Amino acid sequence: MTVSEKLKELRTERNMTQQQMADRLGINQSVLSRWESGATAPSLKFIRVITSYFNISVHEFLNRDTKQNPQKSKRT
C-alpha cells in the first residue's frame, strides 16, 4: 500500500471528507488531494502530524504492507 493509499484509507475509515481532514491537519484541501492522488507526498513534518492525529506510528503509516495476509505460505 502506498502512502497515498494509506492516507486515503485512514480518512475514509473515519468517514471524513478531504476538507474535514485538511482542516484537522491544518492544511489546504488541495494539498491533501495531491497527497491522496500521489501527485506529491507529505513532508516528514506532516507525516508526524498525520500519525499523531490518527494515533499510529510513523512505521505503520509508511509500511507498504500494513494489512497482513492471514494465509501466509508455510515452508515444510
PDB file of N, CA and C in Angstrom:
ATOM      1  N   MET A   1       0.851  -1.173   0.000  1.00  0.00           N
ATOM      2  CA  MET A   1       0.000   0.000   0.000  1.00  0.00           C
ATOM      3  C   MET A   1       0.897   1.237   0.000  1.00  0.00           C
ATOM      4  N   THR A   2       0.608   2.155  -0.871  1.00  0.00           N
ATOM      5  CA  THR A   2       1.400   3.386  -0.961  1.00  0.00           C
ATOM      6  C   THR A   2       0.984   4.373   0.125  1.00  0.00           C
ATOM      7  N   VAL A   3       1.802   5.388   0.323  1.00  0.00           N
ATOM      8  CA  VAL A   3       1.476   6.433   1.289  1.00  0.00           C
ATOM      9  C   VAL A   3       0.152   7.093   0.905  1.00  0.00           C
ATOM     10  N   SER A   4      -0.044   7.349  -0.371  1.00  0.00           N
ATOM     11  CA  SER A   4      -1.296   7.994  -0.796  1.00  0.00           C
ATOM     12  C   SER A   4      -2.503   7.103  -0.506  1.00  0.00           C
ATOM     13  N   GLU A   5      -2.363   5.804  -0.736  1.00  0.00           N
ATOM     14  CA  GLU A   5      -3.453   4.873  -0.451  1.00  0.00           C
ATOM     15  C   GLU A   5      -3.729   4.777   1.048  1.00  0.00           C
ATOM     16  N   LYS A   6      -2.661   4.748   1.838  1.00  0.00           N
ATOM     17  CA  LYS A   6      -2.816   4.662   3.292  1.00  0.00           C
ATOM     18  C   LYS A   6      -3.511   5.914   3.834  1.00  0.00           C
ATOM     19  N   LEU A   7      -3.111   7.056   3.317  1.00  0.00           N
ATOM     20  CA  LEU A   7      -3.708   8.311   3.755  1.00  0.00           C
ATOM     21  C   LEU A   7      -5.207   8.333   3.455  1.00  0.00           C
ATOM     22  N   LYS A   8      -5.564   7.946   2.255  1.00  0.00           N
ATOM     23  CA  LYS A   8      -6.980   7.920   1.887  1.00  0.00           C
ATOM     24  C   LYS A   8      -7.743   6.890   2.720  1.00  0.00           C
ATOM     25  N   GLU A   9      -7.123   5.753   2.973  1.00  0.00           N
ATOM     26  CA  GLU A   9      -7.761   4.725   3.790  1.00  0.00           C
ATOM     27  C   GLU A   9      -8.045   5.235   5.206  1.00  0.00           C
ATOM     28  N   LEU A  10      -7.060   5.885   5.808  1.00  0.00           N
ATOM     29  CA  LEU A  10      -7.246   6.429   7.152  1.00  0.00           C
ATOM     30  C   LEU A  10      -8.419   7.412   7.185  1.00  0.00           C
ATOM     31  N   ARG A  11      -8.497   8.253   6.158  1.00  0.00           N
ATOM     32  CA  ARG A  11      -9.558   9.254   6.096  1.00  0.00           C
ATOM     33  C   ARG A  11     -10.927   8.612   5.896  1.00  0.00           C
ATOM     34  N   THR A  12     -11.014   7.708   4.954  1.00  0.00           N
ATOM     35  CA  THR A  12     -12.319   7.118   4.631  1.00  0.00           C
ATOM     36  C   THR A  12     -12.807   6.176   5.722  1.00  0.00           C
ATOM     37  N   GLU A  13     -11.889   5.505   6.423  1.00  0.00           N
ATOM     38  CA  GLU A  13     -12.301   4.642   7.538  1.00  0.00           C
ATOM     39  C   GLU A  13     -12.995   5.447   8.631  1.00  0.00           C
ATOM     40  N   ARG A  14     -12.675   6.711   8.714  1.00  0.00           N
ATOM     41  CA  ARG A  14     -13.268   7.573   9.735  1.00  0.00           C
ATOM     42  C   ARG A  14     -14.393   8.449   9.170  1.00  0.00           C
ATOM     43  N   ASN A  15     -14.805   8.128   7.943  1.00  0.00           N
ATOM     44  CA  ASN A  15     -15.902   8.844   7.287  1.00  0.00           C
ATOM     45  C   ASN A  15     -15.677  10.346   7.255  1.00  0.00           C
ATOM     46  N   MET A  16     -14.450  10.738   6.942  1.00  0.00           N
ATOM     47  CA  MET A  16     -14.104  12.156   6.863  1.00  0.00           C
ATOM     48  C   MET A  16     -14.009  12.578   5.401  1.00  0.00           C
ATOM     49  N   THR A  17     -14.424  13.794   5.126  1.00  0.00           N
ATOM     50  CA  THR A  17     -14.199  14.349   3.796  1.00  0.00           C
ATOM     51  C   THR A  17     -12.760  14.858   3.739  1.00  0.00           C
ATOM     52  N   GLN A  18     -12.285  15.130   2.539  1.00  0.00           N
ATOM     53  CA  GLN A  18     -10.954  15.719   2.414  1.00  0.00           C
ATOM     54  C   GLN A  18     -10.894  17.054   3.139  1.00  0.00           C
ATOM     55  N   GLN A  19     -11.952  17.834   3.037  1.00  0.00           N
ATOM     56  CA  GLN A  19     -11.967  19.141   3.692  1.00  0.00           C
ATOM     57  C   GLN A  19     -11.881  19.001   5.210  1.00  0.00           C
ATOM     58  N   GLN A  20     -12.620  18.064   5.780  1.00  0.00           N
ATOM     59  CA  GLN A  20     -12.581  17.853   7.225  1.00  0.00           C
ATOM     60  C   GLN A  20     -11.184  17.447   7.684  1.00  0.00           C
ATOM     61  N   MET A  21     -10.578  16.522   6.957  1.00  0.00           N
ATOM     62  CA  MET A  21      -9.250  16.065   7.339  1.00  0.00           C
ATOM     63  C   MET A  21      -8.222  17.177   7.158  1.00  0.00           C
ATOM     64  N   ALA A  22      -8.312  17.900   6.072  1.00  0.00           N
ATOM     65  CA  ALA A  22      -7.387  19.008   5.830  1.00  0.00           C
ATOM     66  C   ALA A  22      -7.488  20.044   6.947  1.00  0.00           C
ATOM     67  N   ASP A  23      -8.699  20.355   7.366  1.00  0.00           N
ATOM     68  CA  ASP A  23      -8.893  21.305   8.461  1.00  0.00           C
ATOM     69  C   ASP A  23      -8.222  20.811   9.744  1.00  0.00           C
ATOM     70  N   ARG A  24      -8.367  19.543  10.031  1.00  0.00           N
ATOM     71  CA  ARG A  24      -7.782  18.981  11.246  1.00  0.00           C
ATOM     72  C   ARG A  24      -6.255  18.939  11.186  1.00  0.00           C
ATOM     73  N   LEU A  25      -5.716  18.788   9.978  1.00  0.00           N
ATOM     74  CA  LEU A  25      -4.259  18.746   9.816  1.00  0.00           C
ATOM     75  C   LEU A  25      -3.657  20.137   9.637  1.00  0.00           C
ATOM     76  N   GLY A  26      -4.517  21.131   9.435  1.00  0.00           N
ATOM     77  CA  GLY A  26      -4.042  22.500   9.257  1.00  0.00           C
ATOM     78  C   GLY A  26      -3.451  22.765   7.889  1.00  0.00           C
ATOM     79  N   ILE A  27      -4.031  22.103   6.885  1.00  0.00           N
ATOM     80  CA  ILE A  27      -3.566  22.279   5.502  1.00  0.00           C
ATOM     81  C   ILE A  27      -4.749  22.616   4.612  1.00  0.00           C
ATOM     82  N   ASN A  28      -4.454  22.991   3.375  1.00  0.00           N
ATOM     83  CA  ASN A  28      -5.471  23.259   2.381  1.00  0.00           C
ATOM     84  C   ASN A  28      -5.967  21.938   1.812  1.00  0.00           C
ATOM     85  N   GLN A  29      -7.238  21.860   1.483  1.00  0.00           N
ATOM     86  CA  GLN A  29      -7.819  20.630   0.921  1.00  0.00           C
ATOM     87  C   GLN A  29      -7.115  20.212  -0.364  1.00  0.00           C
ATOM     88  N   SER A  30      -6.667  21.163  -1.163  1.00  0.00           N
ATOM     89  CA  SER A  30      -5.998  20.814  -2.418  1.00  0.00           C
ATOM     90  C   SER A  30      -4.658  20.114  -2.166  1.00  0.00           C
ATOM     91  N   VAL A  31      -3.999  20.442  -1.065  1.00  0.00           N
ATOM     92  CA  VAL A  31      -2.754  19.762  -0.695  1.00  0.00           C
ATOM     93  C   VAL A  31      -3.052  18.301  -0.366  1.00  0.00           C
ATOM     94  N   LEU A  32      -4.082  18.077   0.429  1.00  0.00           N
ATOM     95  CA  LEU A  32      -4.476  16.714   0.774  1.00  0.00           C
ATOM     96  C   LEU A  32      -4.865  15.938  -0.482  1.00  0.00           C
ATOM     97  N   SER A  33      -5.570  16.566  -1.381  1.00  0.00           N
ATOM     98  CA  SER A  33      -5.965  15.920  -2.624  1.00  0.00           C
ATOM     99  C   SER A  33      -4.741  15.464  -3.417  1.00  0.00           C
ATOM    100  N   ARG A  34      -3.723  16.309  -3.487  1.00  0.00           N
ATOM    101  CA  ARG A  34      -2.491  15.939  -4.209  1.00  0.00           C
ATOM    102  C   ARG A  34      -1.765  14.801  -3.510  1.00  0.00           C
ATOM    103  N   TRP A  35      -1.789  14.787  -2.167  1.00  0.00           N
ATOM    104  CA  TRP A  35      -1.170  13.681  -1.438  1.00  0.00           C
ATOM    105  C   TRP A  35      -1.907  12.377  -1.729  1.00  0.00           C
ATOM    106  N   GLU A  36      -3.231  12.416  -1.680  1.00  0.00           N
ATOM    107  CA  GLU A  36      -4.019  11.205  -1.889  1.00  0.00           C
ATOM    108  C   GLU A  36      -3.936  10.693  -3.324  1.00  0.00           C
ATOM    109  N   SER A  37      -3.742  11.577  -4.269  1.00  0.00           N
ATOM    110  CA  SER A  37      -3.643  11.147  -5.666  1.00  0.00           C
ATOM    111  C   SER A  37      -2.244  10.652  -6.000  1.00  0.00           C
ATOM    112  N   GLY A  38      -1.290  10.928  -5.113  1.00  0.00           N
ATOM    113  CA  GLY A  38       0.085  10.517  -5.362  1.00  0.00           C
ATOM    114  C   GLY A  38       0.877  11.520  -6.171  1.00  0.00           C
ATOM    115  N   ALA A  39       0.280  12.670  -6.483  1.00  0.00           N
ATOM    116  CA  ALA A  39       0.974  13.702  -7.254  1.00  0.00           C
ATOM    117  C   ALA A  39       2.141  14.278  -6.463  1.00  0.00           C
ATOM    118  N   THR A  40       1.957  14.403  -5.148  1.00  0.00           N
ATOM    119  CA  THR A  40       3.011  14.835  -4.238  1.00  0.00           C
ATOM    120  C   THR A  40       2.906  13.972  -2.983  1.00  0.00           C
ATOM    121  N   ALA A  41       3.881  14.105  -2.114  1.00  0.00           N
ATOM    122  CA  ALA A  41       3.872  13.340  -0.865  1.00  0.00           C
ATOM    123  C   ALA A  41       4.040  14.293   0.307  1.00  0.00           C
ATOM    124  N   PRO A  42       3.474  13.933   1.445  1.00  0.00           N
ATOM    125  CA  PRO A  42       3.634  14.797   2.620  1.00  0.00           C
ATOM    126  C   PRO A  42       5.090  14.804   3.087  1.00  0.00           C
ATOM    127  N   SER A  43       5.507  15.926   3.610  1.00  0.00           N
ATOM    128  CA  SER A  43       6.852  16.034   4.185  1.00  0.00           C
ATOM    129  C   SER A  43       6.881  15.255   5.502  1.00  0.00           C
ATOM    130  N   LEU A  44       8.076  15.035   6.007  1.00  0.00           N
ATOM    131  CA  LEU A  44       8.224  14.343   7.278  1.00  0.00           C
ATOM    132  C   LEU A  44       7.462  15.076   8.381  1.00  0.00           C
ATOM    133  N   LYS A  45       7.478  16.403   8.329  1.00  0.00           N
ATOM    134  CA  LYS A  45       6.732  17.194   9.317  1.00  0.00           C
ATOM    135  C   LYS A  45       5.259  16.804   9.312  1.00  0.00           C
ATOM    136  N   PHE A  46       4.671  16.709   8.127  1.00  0.00           N
ATOM    137  CA  PHE A  46       3.247  16.383   8.055  1.00  0.00           C
ATOM    138  C   PHE A  46       2.984  14.905   8.277  1.00  0.00           C
ATOM    139  N   ILE A  47       3.942  14.053   7.974  1.00  0.00           N
ATOM    140  CA  ILE A  47       3.784  12.639   8.315  1.00  0.00           C
ATOM    141  C   ILE A  47       3.662  12.507   9.825  1.00  0.00           C
ATOM    142  N   ARG A  48       4.452  13.268  10.546  1.00  0.00           N
ATOM    143  CA  ARG A  48       4.351  13.254  12.017  1.00  0.00           C
ATOM    144  C   ARG A  48       3.002  13.797  12.491  1.00  0.00           C
ATOM    145  N   VAL A  49       2.515  14.842  11.849  1.00  0.00           N
ATOM    146  CA  VAL A  49       1.202  15.404  12.204  1.00  0.00           C
ATOM    147  C   VAL A  49       0.112  14.366  11.928  1.00  0.00           C
ATOM    148  N   ILE A  50       0.172  13.727  10.776  1.00  0.00           N
ATOM    149  CA  ILE A  50      -0.823  12.721  10.384  1.00  0.00           C
ATOM    150  C   ILE A  50      -0.818  11.554  11.359  1.00  0.00           C
ATOM    151  N   THR A  51       0.371  11.022  11.647  1.00  0.00           N
ATOM    152  CA  THR A  51       0.451   9.854  12.531  1.00  0.00           C
ATOM    153  C   THR A  51       0.027  10.198  13.954  1.00  0.00           C
ATOM    154  N   SER A  52       0.319  11.395  14.379  1.00  0.00           N
ATOM    155  CA  SER A  52      -0.120  11.822  15.711  1.00  0.00           C
ATOM    156  C   SER A  52      -1.643  11.932  15.751  1.00  0.00           C
ATOM    157  N   TYR A  53      -2.221  12.535  14.724  1.00  0.00           N
ATOM    158  CA  TYR A  53      -3.676  12.705  14.675  1.00  0.00           C
ATOM    159  C   TYR A  53      -4.389  11.349  14.684  1.00  0.00           C
ATOM    160  N   PHE A  54      -3.876  10.395  13.892  1.00  0.00           N
ATOM    161  CA  PHE A  54      -4.517   9.087  13.792  1.00  0.00           C
ATOM    162  C   PHE A  54      -4.000   8.087  14.824  1.00  0.00           C
ATOM    163  N   ASN A  55      -3.085   8.545  15.678  1.00  0.00           N
ATOM    164  CA  ASN A  55      -2.555   7.719  16.750  1.00  0.00           C
ATOM    165  C   ASN A  55      -1.954   6.404  16.224  1.00  0.00           C
ATOM    166  N   ILE A  56      -1.123   6.529  15.204  1.00  0.00           N
ATOM    167  CA  ILE A  56      -0.398   5.380  14.670  1.00  0.00           C
ATOM    168  C   ILE A  56       1.080   5.750  14.601  1.00  0.00           C
ATOM    169  N   SER A  57       1.929   4.743  14.465  1.00  0.00           N
ATOM    170  CA  SER A  57       3.365   5.001  14.376  1.00  0.00           C
ATOM    171  C   SER A  57       3.729   5.435  12.954  1.00  0.00           C
ATOM    172  N   VAL A  58       4.837   6.133  12.845  1.00  0.00           N
ATOM    173  CA  VAL A  58       5.344   6.511  11.523  1.00  0.00           C
ATOM    174  C   VAL A  58       5.618   5.247  10.724  1.00  0.00           C
ATOM    175  N   HIS A  59       6.169   4.239  11.374  1.00  0.00           N
ATOM    176  CA  HIS A  59       6.453   2.970  10.693  1.00  0.00           C
ATOM    177  C   HIS A  59       5.175   2.366  10.113  1.00  0.00           C
ATOM    178  N   GLU A  60       4.122   2.346  10.897  1.00  0.00           N
ATOM    179  CA  GLU A  60       2.846   1.797  10.419  1.00  0.00           C
ATOM    180  C   GLU A  60       2.326   2.585   9.219  1.00  0.00           C
ATOM    181  N   PHE A  61       2.469   3.889   9.267  1.00  0.00           N
ATOM    182  CA  PHE A  61       1.996   4.726   8.169  1.00  0.00           C
ATOM    183  C   PHE A  61       2.811   4.500   6.896  1.00  0.00           C
ATOM    184  N   LEU A  62       4.120   4.384   7.042  1.00  0.00           N
ATOM    185  CA  LEU A  62       4.994   4.268   5.873  1.00  0.00           C
ATOM    186  C   LEU A  62       5.149   2.844   5.362  1.00  0.00           C
ATOM    187  N   ASN A  63       4.812   1.864   6.180  1.00  0.00           N
ATOM    188  CA  ASN A  63       4.955   0.474   5.779  1.00  0.00           C
ATOM    189  C   ASN A  63       3.933   0.151   4.693  1.00  0.00           C
ATOM    190  N   ARG A  64       4.409  -0.300   3.572  1.00  0.00           N
ATOM    191  CA  ARG A  64       3.519  -0.600   2.445  1.00  0.00           C
ATOM    192  C   ARG A  64       2.630  -1.805   2.696  1.00  0.00           C
ATOM    193  N   ASP A  65       3.036  -2.709   3.568  1.00  0.00           N
ATOM    194  CA  ASP A  65       2.271  -3.929   3.825  1.00  0.00           C
ATOM    195  C   ASP A  65       1.599  -3.875   5.183  1.00  0.00           C
ATOM    196  N   THR A  66       0.735  -2.903   5.382  1.00  0.00           N
ATOM    197  CA  THR A  66       0.097  -2.727   6.686  1.00  0.00           C
ATOM    198  C   THR A  66      -1.002  -3.748   6.931  1.00  0.00           C
ATOM    199  N   LYS A  67      -1.548  -4.304   5.879  1.00  0.00           N
ATOM    200  CA  LYS A  67      -2.561  -5.343   6.045  1.00  0.00           C
ATOM    201  C   LYS A  67      -1.876  -6.692   5.897  1.00  0.00           C
ATOM    202  N   GLN A  68      -1.922  -7.477   6.956  1.00  0.00           N
ATOM    203  CA  GLN A  68      -1.256  -8.763   6.920  1.00  0.00           C
ATOM    204  C   GLN A  68      -2.122  -9.789   6.213  1.00  0.00           C
ATOM    205  N   ASN A  69      -1.463 -10.650   5.486  1.00  0.00           N
ATOM    206  CA  ASN A  69      -2.140 -11.736   4.792  1.00  0.00           C
ATOM    207  C   ASN A  69      -2.378 -12.866   5.784  1.00  0.00           C
ATOM    208  N   PRO A  70      -3.634 -13.216   6.065  1.00  0.00           N
ATOM    209  CA  PRO A  70      -3.911 -14.257   7.048  1.00  0.00           C
ATOM    210  C   PRO A  70      -3.475 -15.649   6.593  1.00  0.00           C
ATOM    211  N   GLN A  71      -3.263 -15.836   5.295  1.00  0.00           N
ATOM    212  CA  GLN A  71      -2.861 -17.137   4.773  1.00  0.00           C
ATOM    213  C   GLN A  71      -1.429 -17.066   4.281  1.00  0.00           C
ATOM    214  N   LYS A  72      -0.505 -16.990   5.216  1.00  0.00           N
ATOM    215  CA  LYS A  72       0.904 -16.969   4.845  1.00  0.00           C
ATOM    216  C   LYS A  72       1.300 -18.373   4.417  1.00  0.00           C
ATOM    217  N   SER A  73       2.144 -18.442   3.418  1.00  0.00           N
ATOM    218  CA  SER A  73       2.591 -19.754   2.965  1.00  0.00           C
ATOM    219  C   SER A  73       3.518 -20.359   4.012  1.00  0.00           C
ATOM    220  N   LYS A  74       3.388 -21.640   4.193  1.00  0.00           N
ATOM    221  CA  LYS A  74       4.191 -22.371   5.167  1.00  0.00           C
ATOM    222  C   LYS A  74       5.261 -23.163   4.443  1.00  0.00           C
ATOM    223  N   ARG A  75       6.463 -23.103   4.980  1.00  0.00           N
ATOM    224  CA  ARG A  75       7.550 -23.907   4.437  1.00  0.00           C
ATOM    225  C   ARG A  75       7.594 -25.234   5.160  1.00  0.00           C
ATOM    226  N   THR A  76       7.870 -26.276   4.418  1.00  0.00           N
ATOM    227  CA  THR A  76       7.989 -27.590   5.033  1.00  0.00           C
ATOM    228  C   THR A  76       9.389 -28.101   4.930  1.00  0.00           C
TER     229      THR A  76
END
